[in-house]
Full PDB file with SEQRES, HELIX, SHEET, SSBOND, CRYST1, ORIGX, SCALE, CONECT and MASTER records, all heavy atoms in Angstrom:
SEQRES   1 A   34  LEU LYS THR PRO GLY ASP PHE LEU LYS GLU ASN ALA HIS          
SEQRES   2 A   34  GLY LEU SER VAL SER LEU ASN GLY THR TYR TYR PHE PRO          
SEQRES   3 A   34  PHE PHE LYS LYS GLU ASP ASN GLY                              
HELIX    1 AA1 ASP A    6  LEU A    8  5                                   3    
HELIX    2 AA2 LYS A   30  ASP A   32  5                                   3    
SHEET    1 AA1 2 SER A  16  VAL A  17  0                                        
SHEET    2 AA1 2 TYR A  23  TYR A  24 -1                                        
CRYST1    1.000    1.000    1.000  90.00  90.00  90.00 P 1           1          
ORIGX1      1.000000  0.000000  0.000000        0.00000                         
ORIGX2      0.000000  1.000000  0.000000        0.00000                         
ORIGX3      0.000000  0.000000  1.000000        0.00000                         
SCALE1      1.000000  0.000000  0.000000        0.00000                         
SCALE2      0.000000  1.000000  0.000000        0.00000                         
SCALE3      0.000000  0.000000  1.000000        0.00000                         
ATOM      1  N   LEU A   1      19.529  53.134 -29.092  1.00  0.00           N  
ATOM      2  CA  LEU A   1      18.892  54.149 -28.258  1.00  0.00           C  
ATOM      3  C   LEU A   1      19.579  55.501 -28.403  1.00  0.00           C  
ATOM      4  O   LEU A   1      20.807  55.585 -28.445  1.00  0.00           O  
ATOM      5  CB  LEU A   1      18.932  53.708 -26.794  1.00  0.00           C  
ATOM      6  CG  LEU A   1      17.923  52.643 -26.384  1.00  0.00           C  
ATOM      7  CD1 LEU A   1      18.272  52.102 -25.003  1.00  0.00           C  
ATOM      8  CD2 LEU A   1      16.508  53.203 -26.389  1.00  0.00           C  
ATOM      9  N   LYS A   2      18.755  56.549 -28.481  1.00  0.00           N  
ATOM     10  CA  LYS A   2      19.258  57.918 -28.544  1.00  0.00           C  
ATOM     11  C   LYS A   2      18.613  58.723 -27.420  1.00  0.00           C  
ATOM     12  O   LYS A   2      17.562  58.359 -26.900  1.00  0.00           O  
ATOM     13  CB  LYS A   2      18.906  58.550 -29.896  1.00  0.00           C  
ATOM     14  CG  LYS A   2      19.460  57.807 -31.110  1.00  0.00           C  
ATOM     15  CD  LYS A   2      19.057  58.501 -32.399  1.00  0.00           C  
ATOM     16  CE  LYS A   2      19.617  57.781 -33.616  1.00  0.00           C  
ATOM     17  NZ  LYS A   2      19.252  58.476 -34.890  1.00  0.00           N  
ATOM     18  N   THR A   3      19.252  59.812 -27.046  1.00  0.00           N  
ATOM     19  CA  THR A   3      18.678  60.690 -26.035  1.00  0.00           C  
ATOM     20  C   THR A   3      18.266  62.010 -26.670  1.00  0.00           C  
ATOM     21  O   THR A   3      19.013  62.576 -27.466  1.00  0.00           O  
ATOM     22  CB  THR A   3      19.668  60.945 -24.880  1.00  0.00           C  
ATOM     23  OG1 THR A   3      19.074  61.852 -23.940  1.00  0.00           O  
ATOM     24  CG2 THR A   3      20.984  61.512 -25.382  1.00  0.00           C  
ATOM     25  N   PRO A   4      17.073  62.518 -26.356  1.00  0.00           N  
ATOM     26  CA  PRO A   4      16.635  63.785 -26.937  1.00  0.00           C  
ATOM     27  C   PRO A   4      17.258  64.998 -26.266  1.00  0.00           C  
ATOM     28  O   PRO A   4      17.149  66.104 -26.781  1.00  0.00           O  
ATOM     29  CB  PRO A   4      15.118  63.758 -26.717  1.00  0.00           C  
ATOM     30  CG  PRO A   4      14.949  62.943 -25.480  1.00  0.00           C  
ATOM     31  CD  PRO A   4      16.024  61.885 -25.547  1.00  0.00           C  
ATOM     32  N   GLY A   5      17.886  64.810 -25.105  1.00  0.00           N  
ATOM     33  CA  GLY A   5      18.512  65.932 -24.412  1.00  0.00           C  
ATOM     34  C   GLY A   5      18.365  65.836 -22.912  1.00  0.00           C  
ATOM     35  O   GLY A   5      17.683  64.955 -22.377  1.00  0.00           O  
ATOM     36  N   ASP A   6      18.990  66.772 -22.221  1.00  0.00           N  
ATOM     37  CA  ASP A   6      18.992  66.765 -20.761  1.00  0.00           C  
ATOM     38  C   ASP A   6      17.681  67.226 -20.155  1.00  0.00           C  
ATOM     39  O   ASP A   6      17.498  67.143 -18.941  1.00  0.00           O  
ATOM     40  CB  ASP A   6      20.122  67.656 -20.233  1.00  0.00           C  
ATOM     41  CG  ASP A   6      21.501  67.082 -20.522  1.00  0.00           C  
ATOM     42  OD1 ASP A   6      21.597  65.851 -20.732  1.00  0.00           O  
ATOM     43  OD2 ASP A   6      22.481  67.870 -20.547  1.00  0.00           O  
ATOM     44  N   PHE A   7      16.764  67.737 -20.952  1.00  0.00           N  
ATOM     45  CA  PHE A   7      15.530  68.286 -20.398  1.00  0.00           C  
ATOM     46  C   PHE A   7      14.681  67.233 -19.687  1.00  0.00           C  
ATOM     47  O   PHE A   7      13.806  67.566 -18.892  1.00  0.00           O  
ATOM     48  CB  PHE A   7      14.703  68.963 -21.504  1.00  0.00           C  
ATOM     49  CG  PHE A   7      14.106  68.017 -22.511  1.00  0.00           C  
ATOM     50  CD1 PHE A   7      12.808  67.562 -22.372  1.00  0.00           C  
ATOM     51  CD2 PHE A   7      14.855  67.580 -23.604  1.00  0.00           C  
ATOM     52  CE1 PHE A   7      12.254  66.694 -23.309  1.00  0.00           C  
ATOM     53  CE2 PHE A   7      14.306  66.717 -24.540  1.00  0.00           C  
ATOM     54  CZ  PHE A   7      13.007  66.270 -24.388  1.00  0.00           C  
ATOM     55  N   LEU A   8      14.944  65.950 -19.961  1.00  0.00           N  
ATOM     56  CA  LEU A   8      14.168  64.880 -19.331  1.00  0.00           C  
ATOM     57  C   LEU A   8      14.817  64.337 -18.062  1.00  0.00           C  
ATOM     58  O   LEU A   8      14.334  63.366 -17.497  1.00  0.00           O  
ATOM     59  CB  LEU A   8      13.967  63.720 -20.316  1.00  0.00           C  
ATOM     60  CG  LEU A   8      12.966  63.933 -21.454  1.00  0.00           C  
ATOM     61  CD1 LEU A   8      12.969  62.730 -22.389  1.00  0.00           C  
ATOM     62  CD2 LEU A   8      11.568  64.178 -20.905  1.00  0.00           C  
ATOM     63  N   LYS A   9      15.894  64.957 -17.585  1.00  0.00           N  
ATOM     64  CA  LYS A   9      16.646  64.365 -16.479  1.00  0.00           C  
ATOM     65  C   LYS A   9      15.817  64.247 -15.212  1.00  0.00           C  
ATOM     66  O   LYS A   9      16.065  63.369 -14.379  1.00  0.00           O  
ATOM     67  CB  LYS A   9      17.915  65.170 -16.210  1.00  0.00           C  
ATOM     68  CG  LYS A   9      17.690  66.603 -15.765  1.00  0.00           C  
ATOM     69  CD  LYS A   9      19.018  67.334 -15.591  1.00  0.00           C  
ATOM     70  CE  LYS A   9      18.811  68.787 -15.170  1.00  0.00           C  
ATOM     71  NZ  LYS A   9      20.110  69.493 -15.025  1.00  0.00           N  
ATOM     72  N   GLU A  10      14.816  65.111 -15.021  1.00  0.00           N  
ATOM     73  CA  GLU A  10      13.984  65.041 -13.827  1.00  0.00           C  
ATOM     74  C   GLU A  10      12.630  64.393 -14.103  1.00  0.00           C  
ATOM     75  O   GLU A  10      11.744  64.409 -13.255  1.00  0.00           O  
ATOM     76  CB  GLU A  10      13.783  66.447 -13.247  1.00  0.00           C  
ATOM     77  CG  GLU A  10      15.076  67.052 -12.711  1.00  0.00           C  
ATOM     78  CD  GLU A  10      14.920  68.508 -12.317  1.00  0.00           C  
ATOM     79  OE1 GLU A  10      14.231  69.239 -13.048  1.00  0.00           O  
ATOM     80  OE2 GLU A  10      15.481  68.898 -11.293  1.00  0.00           O  
ATOM     81  N   ASN A  11      12.491  63.809 -15.281  1.00  0.00           N  
ATOM     82  CA  ASN A  11      11.236  63.158 -15.650  1.00  0.00           C  
ATOM     83  C   ASN A  11      11.072  61.830 -14.926  1.00  0.00           C  
ATOM     84  O   ASN A  11      12.028  61.092 -14.718  1.00  0.00           O  
ATOM     85  CB  ASN A  11      11.189  62.931 -17.160  1.00  0.00           C  
ATOM     86  CG  ASN A  11      10.102  61.960 -17.597  1.00  0.00           C  
ATOM     87  OD1 ASN A  11      10.398  60.932 -18.189  1.00  0.00           O  
ATOM     88  ND2 ASN A  11       8.863  62.265 -17.286  1.00  0.00           N  
ATOM     89  N   ALA A  12       9.833  61.518 -14.568  1.00  0.00           N  
ATOM     90  CA  ALA A  12       9.490  60.208 -14.019  1.00  0.00           C  
ATOM     91  C   ALA A  12       7.998  59.992 -14.230  1.00  0.00           C  
ATOM     92  O   ALA A  12       7.235  60.939 -14.371  1.00  0.00           O  
ATOM     93  CB  ALA A  12       9.832  60.118 -12.535  1.00  0.00           C  
ATOM     94  N   HIS A  13       7.607  58.744 -14.279  1.00  0.00           N  
ATOM     95  CA  HIS A  13       6.198  58.369 -14.350  1.00  0.00           C  
ATOM     96  C   HIS A  13       5.512  58.830 -15.635  1.00  0.00           C  
ATOM     97  O   HIS A  13       4.452  59.439 -15.614  1.00  0.00           O  
ATOM     98  CB  HIS A  13       5.441  58.862 -13.127  1.00  0.00           C  
ATOM     99  CG  HIS A  13       6.011  58.386 -11.833  1.00  0.00           C  
ATOM    100  ND1 HIS A  13       6.110  57.048 -11.523  1.00  0.00           N  
ATOM    101  CD2 HIS A  13       6.553  59.062 -10.782  1.00  0.00           C  
ATOM    102  CE1 HIS A  13       6.682  56.916 -10.323  1.00  0.00           C  
ATOM    103  NE2 HIS A  13       6.970  58.120  -9.868  1.00  0.00           N  
ATOM    104  N   GLY A  14       6.137  58.513 -16.769  1.00  0.00           N  
ATOM    105  CA  GLY A  14       5.465  58.658 -18.041  1.00  0.00           C  
ATOM    106  C   GLY A  14       5.779  59.918 -18.811  1.00  0.00           C  
ATOM    107  O   GLY A  14       6.234  60.912 -18.246  1.00  0.00           O  
ATOM    108  N   LEU A  15       5.531  59.842 -20.112  1.00  0.00           N  
ATOM    109  CA  LEU A  15       5.625  61.004 -20.988  1.00  0.00           C  
ATOM    110  C   LEU A  15       4.766  60.753 -22.203  1.00  0.00           C  
ATOM    111  O   LEU A  15       4.325  59.634 -22.460  1.00  0.00           O  
ATOM    112  CB  LEU A  15       7.072  61.297 -21.385  1.00  0.00           C  
ATOM    113  CG  LEU A  15       7.911  60.236 -22.099  1.00  0.00           C  
ATOM    114  CD1 LEU A  15       7.581  60.138 -23.584  1.00  0.00           C  
ATOM    115  CD2 LEU A  15       9.384  60.540 -21.940  1.00  0.00           C  
ATOM    116  N   SER A  16       4.505  61.812 -22.953  1.00  0.00           N  
ATOM    117  CA  SER A  16       3.712  61.714 -24.167  1.00  0.00           C  
ATOM    118  C   SER A  16       4.230  62.767 -25.136  1.00  0.00           C  
ATOM    119  O   SER A  16       4.621  63.866 -24.714  1.00  0.00           O  
ATOM    120  CB  SER A  16       2.235  61.950 -23.853  1.00  0.00           C  
ATOM    121  OG  SER A  16       1.420  61.814 -24.999  1.00  0.00           O  
ATOM    122  N   VAL A  17       4.232  62.452 -26.433  1.00  0.00           N  
ATOM    123  CA  VAL A  17       4.809  63.337 -27.430  1.00  0.00           C  
ATOM    124  C   VAL A  17       3.748  63.669 -28.477  1.00  0.00           C  
ATOM    125  O   VAL A  17       3.105  62.778 -29.031  1.00  0.00           O  
ATOM    126  CB  VAL A  17       6.040  62.693 -28.103  1.00  0.00           C  
ATOM    127  CG1 VAL A  17       6.696  63.686 -29.059  1.00  0.00           C  
ATOM    128  CG2 VAL A  17       7.052  62.217 -27.053  1.00  0.00           C  
ATOM    129  N   SER A  18       3.564  64.947 -28.750  1.00  0.00           N  
ATOM    130  CA  SER A  18       2.555  65.382 -29.714  1.00  0.00           C  
ATOM    131  C   SER A  18       3.049  65.175 -31.140  1.00  0.00           C  
ATOM    132  O   SER A  18       4.194  64.794 -31.380  1.00  0.00           O  
ATOM    133  CB  SER A  18       2.216  66.861 -29.489  1.00  0.00           C  
ATOM    134  OG  SER A  18       3.303  67.683 -29.876  1.00  0.00           O  
ATOM    135  N   LEU A  19       2.169  65.480 -32.081  1.00  0.00           N  
ATOM    136  CA  LEU A  19       2.488  65.272 -33.486  1.00  0.00           C  
ATOM    137  C   LEU A  19       3.675  66.113 -33.936  1.00  0.00           C  
ATOM    138  O   LEU A  19       4.473  65.691 -34.779  1.00  0.00           O  
ATOM    139  CB  LEU A  19       1.260  65.597 -34.340  1.00  0.00           C  
ATOM    140  CG  LEU A  19       1.265  65.136 -35.797  1.00  0.00           C  
ATOM    141  CD1 LEU A  19       1.366  63.618 -35.885  1.00  0.00           C  
ATOM    142  CD2 LEU A  19      -0.001  65.614 -36.508  1.00  0.00           C  
ATOM    143  N   ASN A  20       3.830  67.304 -33.377  1.00  0.00           N  
ATOM    144  CA  ASN A  20       4.947  68.164 -33.781  1.00  0.00           C  
ATOM    145  C   ASN A  20       6.203  67.946 -32.945  1.00  0.00           C  
ATOM    146  O   ASN A  20       7.165  68.706 -33.052  1.00  0.00           O  
ATOM    147  CB  ASN A  20       4.532  69.634 -33.747  1.00  0.00           C  
ATOM    148  CG  ASN A  20       4.262  70.138 -32.340  1.00  0.00           C  
ATOM    149  OD1 ASN A  20       4.503  69.441 -31.363  1.00  0.00           O  
ATOM    150  ND2 ASN A  20       3.750  71.356 -32.234  1.00  0.00           N  
ATOM    151  N   GLY A  21       6.197  66.907 -32.082  1.00  0.00           N  
ATOM    152  CA  GLY A  21       7.392  66.544 -31.342  1.00  0.00           C  
ATOM    153  C   GLY A  21       7.540  67.169 -29.975  1.00  0.00           C  
ATOM    154  O   GLY A  21       8.579  67.005 -29.330  1.00  0.00           O  
ATOM    155  N   THR A  22       6.516  67.874 -29.484  1.00  0.00           N  
ATOM    156  CA  THR A  22       6.593  68.457 -28.149  1.00  0.00           C  
ATOM    157  C   THR A  22       6.364  67.379 -27.095  1.00  0.00           C  
ATOM    158  O   THR A  22       5.391  66.624 -27.170  1.00  0.00           O  
ATOM    159  CB  THR A  22       5.551  69.578 -27.972  1.00  0.00           C  
ATOM    160  OG1 THR A  22       5.823  70.609 -28.931  1.00  0.00           O  
ATOM    161  CG2 THR A  22       5.605  70.164 -26.581  1.00  0.00           C  
ATOM    162  N   TYR A  23       7.267  67.320 -26.128  1.00  0.00           N  
ATOM    163  CA  TYR A  23       7.164  66.364 -25.025  1.00  0.00           C  
ATOM    164  C   TYR A  23       6.327  66.961 -23.896  1.00  0.00           C  
ATOM    165  O   TYR A  23       6.526  68.107 -23.485  1.00  0.00           O  
ATOM    166  CB  TYR A  23       8.549  66.053 -24.453  1.00  0.00           C  
ATOM    167  CG  TYR A  23       9.365  65.037 -25.200  1.00  0.00           C  
ATOM    168  CD1 TYR A  23       9.970  65.351 -26.413  1.00  0.00           C  
ATOM    169  CD2 TYR A  23       9.566  63.761 -24.676  1.00  0.00           C  
ATOM    170  CE1 TYR A  23      10.759  64.421 -27.097  1.00  0.00           C  
ATOM    171  CE2 TYR A  23      10.363  62.820 -25.336  1.00  0.00           C  
ATOM    172  CZ  TYR A  23      10.946  63.165 -26.539  1.00  0.00           C  
ATOM    173  OH  TYR A  23      11.730  62.244 -27.209  1.00  0.00           O  
ATOM    174  N   TYR A  24       5.403  66.171 -23.361  1.00  0.00           N  
ATOM    175  CA  TYR A  24       4.684  66.489 -22.127  1.00  0.00           C  
ATOM    176  C   TYR A  24       5.040  65.425 -21.105  1.00  0.00           C  
ATOM    177  O   TYR A  24       4.994  64.226 -21.411  1.00  0.00           O  
ATOM    178  CB  TYR A  24       3.175  66.515 -22.363  1.00  0.00           C  
ATOM    179  CG  TYR A  24       2.696  67.766 -23.071  1.00  0.00           C  
ATOM    180  CD1 TYR A  24       2.902  67.933 -24.436  1.00  0.00           C  
ATOM    181  CD2 TYR A  24       2.039  68.775 -22.372  1.00  0.00           C  
ATOM    182  CE1 TYR A  24       2.472  69.087 -25.093  1.00  0.00           C  
ATOM    183  CE2 TYR A  24       1.603  69.931 -23.019  1.00  0.00           C  
ATOM    184  CZ  TYR A  24       1.826  70.079 -24.374  1.00  0.00           C  
ATOM    185  OH  TYR A  24       1.409  71.218 -25.014  1.00  0.00           O  
ATOM    186  N   PHE A  25       5.374  65.844 -19.878  1.00  0.00           N  
ATOM    187  CA  PHE A  25       5.853  64.869 -18.906  1.00  0.00           C  
ATOM    188  C   PHE A  25       5.791  65.437 -17.494  1.00  0.00           C  
ATOM    189  O   PHE A  25       5.794  66.665 -17.299  1.00  0.00           O  
ATOM    190  CB  PHE A  25       7.289  64.451 -19.238  1.00  0.00           C  
ATOM    191  CG  PHE A  25       8.249  65.603 -19.390  1.00  0.00           C  
ATOM    192  CD1 PHE A  25       9.030  66.034 -18.326  1.00  0.00           C  
ATOM    193  CD2 PHE A  25       8.370  66.276 -20.608  1.00  0.00           C  
ATOM    194  CE1 PHE A  25       9.901  67.096 -18.467  1.00  0.00           C  
ATOM    195  CE2 PHE A  25       9.247  67.339 -20.757  1.00  0.00           C  
ATOM    196  CZ  PHE A  25      10.013  67.756 -19.686  1.00  0.00           C  
ATOM    197  N   PRO A  26       5.725  64.570 -16.481  1.00  0.00           N  
ATOM    198  CA  PRO A  26       5.857  65.020 -15.102  1.00  0.00           C  
ATOM    199  C   PRO A  26       7.334  65.168 -14.770  1.00  0.00           C  
ATOM    200  O   PRO A  26       8.148  64.348 -15.188  1.00  0.00           O  
ATOM    201  CB  PRO A  26       5.242  63.874 -14.277  1.00  0.00           C  
ATOM    202  CG  PRO A  26       4.817  62.832 -15.240  1.00  0.00           C  
ATOM    203  CD  PRO A  26       5.417  63.141 -16.560  1.00  0.00           C  
ATOM    204  N   PHE A  27       7.688  66.228 -14.065  1.00  0.00           N  
ATOM    205  CA  PHE A  27       9.063  66.338 -13.602  1.00  0.00           C  
ATOM    206  C   PHE A  27       9.054  66.652 -12.109  1.00  0.00           C  
ATOM    207  O   PHE A  27       8.117  67.253 -11.576  1.00  0.00           O  
ATOM    208  CB  PHE A  27       9.881  67.361 -14.397  1.00  0.00           C  
ATOM    209  CG  PHE A  27       9.285  68.731 -14.508  1.00  0.00           C  
ATOM    210  CD1 PHE A  27       9.624  69.735 -13.616  1.00  0.00           C  
ATOM    211  CD2 PHE A  27       8.398  69.030 -15.540  1.00  0.00           C  
ATOM    212  CE1 PHE A  27       9.101  71.007 -13.733  1.00  0.00           C  
ATOM    213  CE2 PHE A  27       7.874  70.308 -15.666  1.00  0.00           C  
ATOM    214  CZ  PHE A  27       8.216  71.302 -14.757  1.00  0.00           C  
ATOM    215  N   PHE A  28      10.096  66.185 -11.452  1.00  0.00           N  
ATOM    216  CA  PHE A  28      10.123  66.178  -9.995  1.00  0.00           C  
ATOM    217  C   PHE A  28      11.315  66.983  -9.494  1.00  0.00           C  
ATOM    218  O   PHE A  28      12.451  66.730  -9.868  1.00  0.00           O  
ATOM    219  CB  PHE A  28      10.198  64.733  -9.479  1.00  0.00           C  
ATOM    220  CG  PHE A  28       8.939  63.965  -9.750  1.00  0.00           C  
ATOM    221  CD1 PHE A  28       8.646  63.491 -11.027  1.00  0.00           C  
ATOM    222  CD2 PHE A  28       8.020  63.737  -8.737  1.00  0.00           C  
ATOM    223  CE1 PHE A  28       7.473  62.800 -11.279  1.00  0.00           C  
ATOM    224  CE2 PHE A  28       6.843  63.054  -8.987  1.00  0.00           C  
ATOM    225  CZ  PHE A  28       6.565  62.582 -10.250  1.00  0.00           C  
ATOM    226  N   LYS A  29      11.032  67.945  -8.656  1.00  0.00           N  
ATOM    227  CA  LYS A  29      12.062  68.777  -8.038  1.00  0.00           C  
ATOM    228  C   LYS A  29      11.935  68.664  -6.516  1.00  0.00           C  
ATOM    229  O   LYS A  29      10.867  68.324  -5.994  1.00  0.00           O  
ATOM    230  CB  LYS A  29      11.921  70.232  -8.471  1.00  0.00           C  
ATOM    231  CG  LYS A  29      12.132  70.459  -9.977  1.00  0.00           C  
ATOM    232  CD  LYS A  29      11.991  71.927 -10.334  1.00  0.00           C  
ATOM    233  CE  LYS A  29      12.198  72.161 -11.823  1.00  0.00           C  
ATOM    234  NZ  LYS A  29      13.597  71.882 -12.219  1.00  0.00           N  
ATOM    235  N   LYS A  30      12.996  68.964  -5.806  1.00  0.00           N  
ATOM    236  CA  LYS A  30      12.991  68.843  -4.350  1.00  0.00           C  
ATOM    237  C   LYS A  30      11.870  69.659  -3.720  1.00  0.00           C  
ATOM    238  O   LYS A  30      11.215  69.228  -2.773  1.00  0.00           O  
ATOM    239  CB  LYS A  30      14.344  69.272  -3.785  1.00  0.00           C  
ATOM    240  CG  LYS A  30      15.489  68.310  -4.095  1.00  0.00           C  
ATOM    241  CD  LYS A  30      16.794  68.783  -3.464  1.00  0.00           C  
ATOM    242  CE  LYS A  30      17.921  67.799  -3.777  1.00  0.00           C  
ATOM    243  NZ  LYS A  30      19.218  68.238  -3.190  1.00  0.00           N  
ATOM    244  N   GLU A  31      11.634  70.849  -4.278  1.00  0.00           N  
ATOM    245  CA  GLU A  31      10.617  71.713  -3.694  1.00  0.00           C  
ATOM    246  C   GLU A  31       9.197  71.187  -3.894  1.00  0.00           C  
ATOM    247  O   GLU A  31       8.249  71.671  -3.274  1.00  0.00           O  
ATOM    248  CB  GLU A  31      10.718  73.132  -4.260  1.00  0.00           C  
ATOM    249  CG  GLU A  31      10.565  73.227  -5.768  1.00  0.00           C  
ATOM    250  CD  GLU A  31      11.903  73.205  -6.502  1.00  0.00           C  
ATOM    251  OE1 GLU A  31      12.861  72.587  -5.982  1.00  0.00           O  
ATOM    252  OE2 GLU A  31      11.977  73.793  -7.590  1.00  0.00           O  
ATOM    253  N   ASP A  32       9.033  70.177  -4.754  1.00  0.00           N  
ATOM    254  CA  ASP A  32       7.715  69.592  -4.983  1.00  0.00           C  
ATOM    255  C   ASP A  32       7.375  68.499  -3.979  1.00  0.00           C  
ATOM    256  O   ASP A  32       6.279  67.922  -4.030  1.00  0.00           O  
ATOM    257  CB  ASP A  32       7.638  68.997  -6.396  1.00  0.00           C  
ATOM    258  CG  ASP A  32       7.769  70.064  -7.465  1.00  0.00           C  
ATOM    259  OD1 ASP A  32       7.316  71.195  -7.221  1.00  0.00           O  
ATOM    260  OD2 ASP A  32       8.324  69.762  -8.533  1.00  0.00           O  
ATOM    261  N   ASN A  33       8.331  68.169  -3.104  1.00  0.00           N  
ATOM    262  CA  ASN A  33       8.116  67.127  -2.099  1.00  0.00           C  
ATOM    263  C   ASN A  33       7.700  65.789  -2.718  1.00  0.00           C  
ATOM    264  O   ASN A  33       6.915  65.034  -2.152  1.00  0.00           O  
ATOM    265  CB  ASN A  33       7.058  67.573  -1.079  1.00  0.00           C  
ATOM    266  CG  ASN A  33       7.506  68.781  -0.278  1.00  0.00           C  
ATOM    267  OD1 ASN A  33       8.653  68.852   0.166  1.00  0.00           O  
ATOM    268  ND2 ASN A  33       6.618  69.746  -0.101  1.00  0.00           N  
ATOM    269  N   GLY A  34       8.216  65.530  -3.907  1.00  0.00           N  
ATOM    270  CA  GLY A  34       7.980  64.235  -4.535  1.00  0.00           C  
ATOM    271  C   GLY A  34       6.678  64.099  -5.286  1.00  0.00           C  
ATOM    272  O   GLY A  34       6.391  63.043  -5.834  1.00  0.00           O  
TER     273      GLY A  34                                                      
MASTER        0    0    0    2    2    0    0    6  272    1    0    3          
END                                                                             
């Protein structure tokens, strides 16, 4: 297992990666109320 970086630290509930390697994902912050 490898990690792509810290940018996913707030990710939860799925992700998807495009052909050129761009990650799309939900991220959760306190101000979003979950």
